Amino acid sequence: MDILASYGTVGPTGKMPILDSCEESIEQWRGGDKKPDFFVVDDDMYGLSVRVEASWTLVKPALLEELAMFLKQCQEWCVYLALIKGGLFIFHDRILYEGTFFAGCCSVEDFYLRCSTNA
């Protein structure tokens, strides 16, 4: 969520720290934006992924690179960006796409150009 917050608003439920007790965690919980740019749907602990819904116009090379760098710390996880016209699965070492919108993309710059020219 910290990475996404650098590129737009994040929500809707916000971020809760894991502290010594549930009560302490709830006291420190900070809510997110009610109409966020990045809607964090859920984290799938068994599938080891986080689904984030957003507009394709928010895709920037730095965002994709930062997410991939973060995922180096937890290499079994991925972030799925559901981008209305298609989706991107971001892993620590690769990005996979789905949907014809991204067909032919071979690099982070290709993803960005596709998103920025269709904005």
Protein backbone atom coordinates (compact mmCIF):
# COMPACT_ATOMS: atom_id res chain seq x y z
CA MET A 1 0.00 0.00 0.00
CA ASP A 2 2.89 2.35 0.68
CA ILE A 3 4.18 1.92 -2.87
CA LEU A 4 0.74 2.44 -4.41
CA ALA A 5 0.18 5.55 -2.27
CA SER A 6 3.12 7.19 -4.05
CA TYR A 7 1.17 7.00 -7.33
CA GLY A 8 -2.39 7.78 -6.22
CA THR A 9 -4.91 7.28 -3.45
CA VAL A 10 -5.31 3.83 -1.89
CA GLY A 11 -8.24 2.22 -0.15
CA PRO A 12 -10.87 1.62 0.83
CA THR A 13 -10.07 -0.11 4.12
CA GLY A 14 -6.69 1.45 4.81
CA LYS A 15 -3.77 -0.11 6.60
CA MET A 16 -3.67 -1.81 9.99
CA PRO A 17 -0.35 -2.52 11.69
CA ILE A 18 0.16 -5.88 13.39
CA LEU A 19 0.92 -5.03 17.01
CA ASP A 20 0.99 -7.00 20.28
CA SER A 21 -2.80 -7.07 20.66
CA CYS A 22 -5.83 -6.73 18.44
CA GLU A 23 -6.93 -3.69 20.43
CA GLU A 24 -3.59 -1.91 19.87
CA SER A 25 -3.73 -2.72 16.16
CA ILE A 26 -7.28 -1.34 15.85
CA GLU A 27 -6.24 1.87 17.66
CA GLN A 28 -3.45 2.43 15.11
CA TRP A 29 -5.58 1.53 12.06
CA ARG A 30 -5.70 4.34 9.52
CA GLY A 31 -8.50 4.25 6.98
CA GLY A 32 -7.97 4.64 3.27
CA ASP A 33 -9.62 6.81 0.66
CA LYS A 34 -13.31 6.06 0.05
CA LYS A 35 -12.91 6.46 -3.74
CA PRO A 36 -9.30 5.36 -4.25
CA ASP A 37 -7.24 5.35 -7.43
CA PHE A 38 -5.93 1.93 -6.34
CA PHE A 39 -8.70 -0.24 -4.90
CA VAL A 40 -7.04 -3.01 -2.92
CA VAL A 41 -9.61 -5.80 -3.20
CA ASP A 42 -7.99 -8.53 -1.14
CA ASP A 43 -4.94 -10.54 -0.36
CA ASP A 44 -5.24 -14.20 -1.18
CA MET A 45 -3.07 -15.91 1.40
CA TYR A 46 -3.39 -19.32 -0.26
CA GLY A 47 -2.84 -18.08 -3.79
CA LEU A 48 -0.13 -15.71 -2.52
CA SER A 49 -1.37 -12.71 -4.45
CA VAL A 50 -2.82 -9.26 -3.87
CA ARG A 51 -5.48 -7.97 -6.27
CA VAL A 52 -5.55 -4.25 -6.96
CA GLU A 53 -8.11 -2.61 -9.27
CA ALA A 54 -7.07 0.57 -11.06
CA SER A 55 -7.26 2.46 -14.31
CA TRP A 56 -4.63 1.58 -16.91
CA THR A 57 -3.75 5.30 -16.98
CA LEU A 58 -1.98 4.88 -13.61
CA VAL A 59 0.57 2.38 -14.95
CA LYS A 60 4.03 3.93 -14.83
CA PRO A 61 7.42 2.22 -15.24
CA ALA A 62 8.51 3.31 -11.75
CA LEU A 63 5.38 1.79 -10.18
CA LEU A 64 5.94 -1.58 -11.87
CA GLU A 65 9.64 -1.56 -10.98
CA GLU A 66 9.00 -0.63 -7.34
CA LEU A 67 6.42 -3.39 -6.97
CA ALA A 68 8.82 -5.93 -8.50
CA MET A 69 11.66 -4.77 -6.19
CA PHE A 70 9.39 -5.07 -3.15
CA LEU A 71 8.39 -8.58 -4.20
CA LYS A 72 12.04 -9.68 -4.07
CA GLN A 73 11.52 -9.80 -0.29
CA CYS A 74 8.64 -12.28 -0.65
CA GLN A 75 9.32 -14.05 -3.92
CA GLU A 76 6.40 -16.45 -3.73
CA TRP A 77 3.89 -13.56 -3.83
CA CYS A 78 2.63 -11.48 -6.75
CA VAL A 79 0.53 -8.37 -7.25
CA TYR A 80 -2.27 -8.53 -9.81
CA LEU A 81 -3.26 -5.17 -11.28
CA ALA A 82 -6.78 -5.44 -12.70
CA LEU A 83 -6.71 -2.56 -15.21
CA ILE A 84 -10.17 -2.58 -16.84
CA LYS A 85 -8.76 -3.36 -20.30
CA GLY A 86 -6.51 -6.18 -19.12
CA GLY A 87 -4.38 -7.23 -16.23
CA LEU A 88 -0.76 -7.42 -15.13
CA PHE A 89 0.68 -10.09 -12.84
CA ILE A 90 3.78 -8.57 -11.23
CA PHE A 91 6.34 -10.99 -9.80
CA HIS A 92 9.80 -10.29 -8.43
CA ASP A 93 11.43 -11.32 -11.70
CA ARG A 94 8.80 -10.88 -14.43
CA ILE A 95 5.52 -9.29 -15.45
CA LEU A 96 2.85 -11.34 -17.20
CA TYR A 97 -0.16 -9.82 -18.88
CA GLU A 98 -3.66 -10.92 -19.78
CA GLY A 99 -6.00 -9.43 -22.32
CA THR A 100 -5.53 -8.26 -25.88
CA PHE A 101 -4.88 -4.68 -24.72
CA PHE A 102 -1.31 -5.68 -23.77
CA ALA A 103 -0.68 -8.05 -26.69
CA GLY A 104 2.79 -7.55 -28.12
CA CYS A 105 4.23 -5.82 -25.04
CA CYS A 106 7.74 -7.04 -24.25
CA SER A 107 8.99 -4.58 -21.63
CA VAL A 108 7.94 -2.25 -18.83
CA GLU A 109 8.27 0.64 -21.27
CA ASP A 110 5.93 -1.16 -23.71
CA PHE A 111 3.29 -1.47 -20.96
CA TYR A 112 3.66 2.22 -20.14
CA LEU A 113 3.47 3.34 -23.76
CA ARG A 114 0.37 1.22 -24.36
CA CYS A 115 -1.32 2.71 -21.29
CA SER A 116 -0.27 6.31 -21.90
CA THR A 117 -1.20 6.39 -25.58
CA ASN A 118 -4.64 4.92 -24.88
CA ALA A 119 -5.42 7.24 -21.96
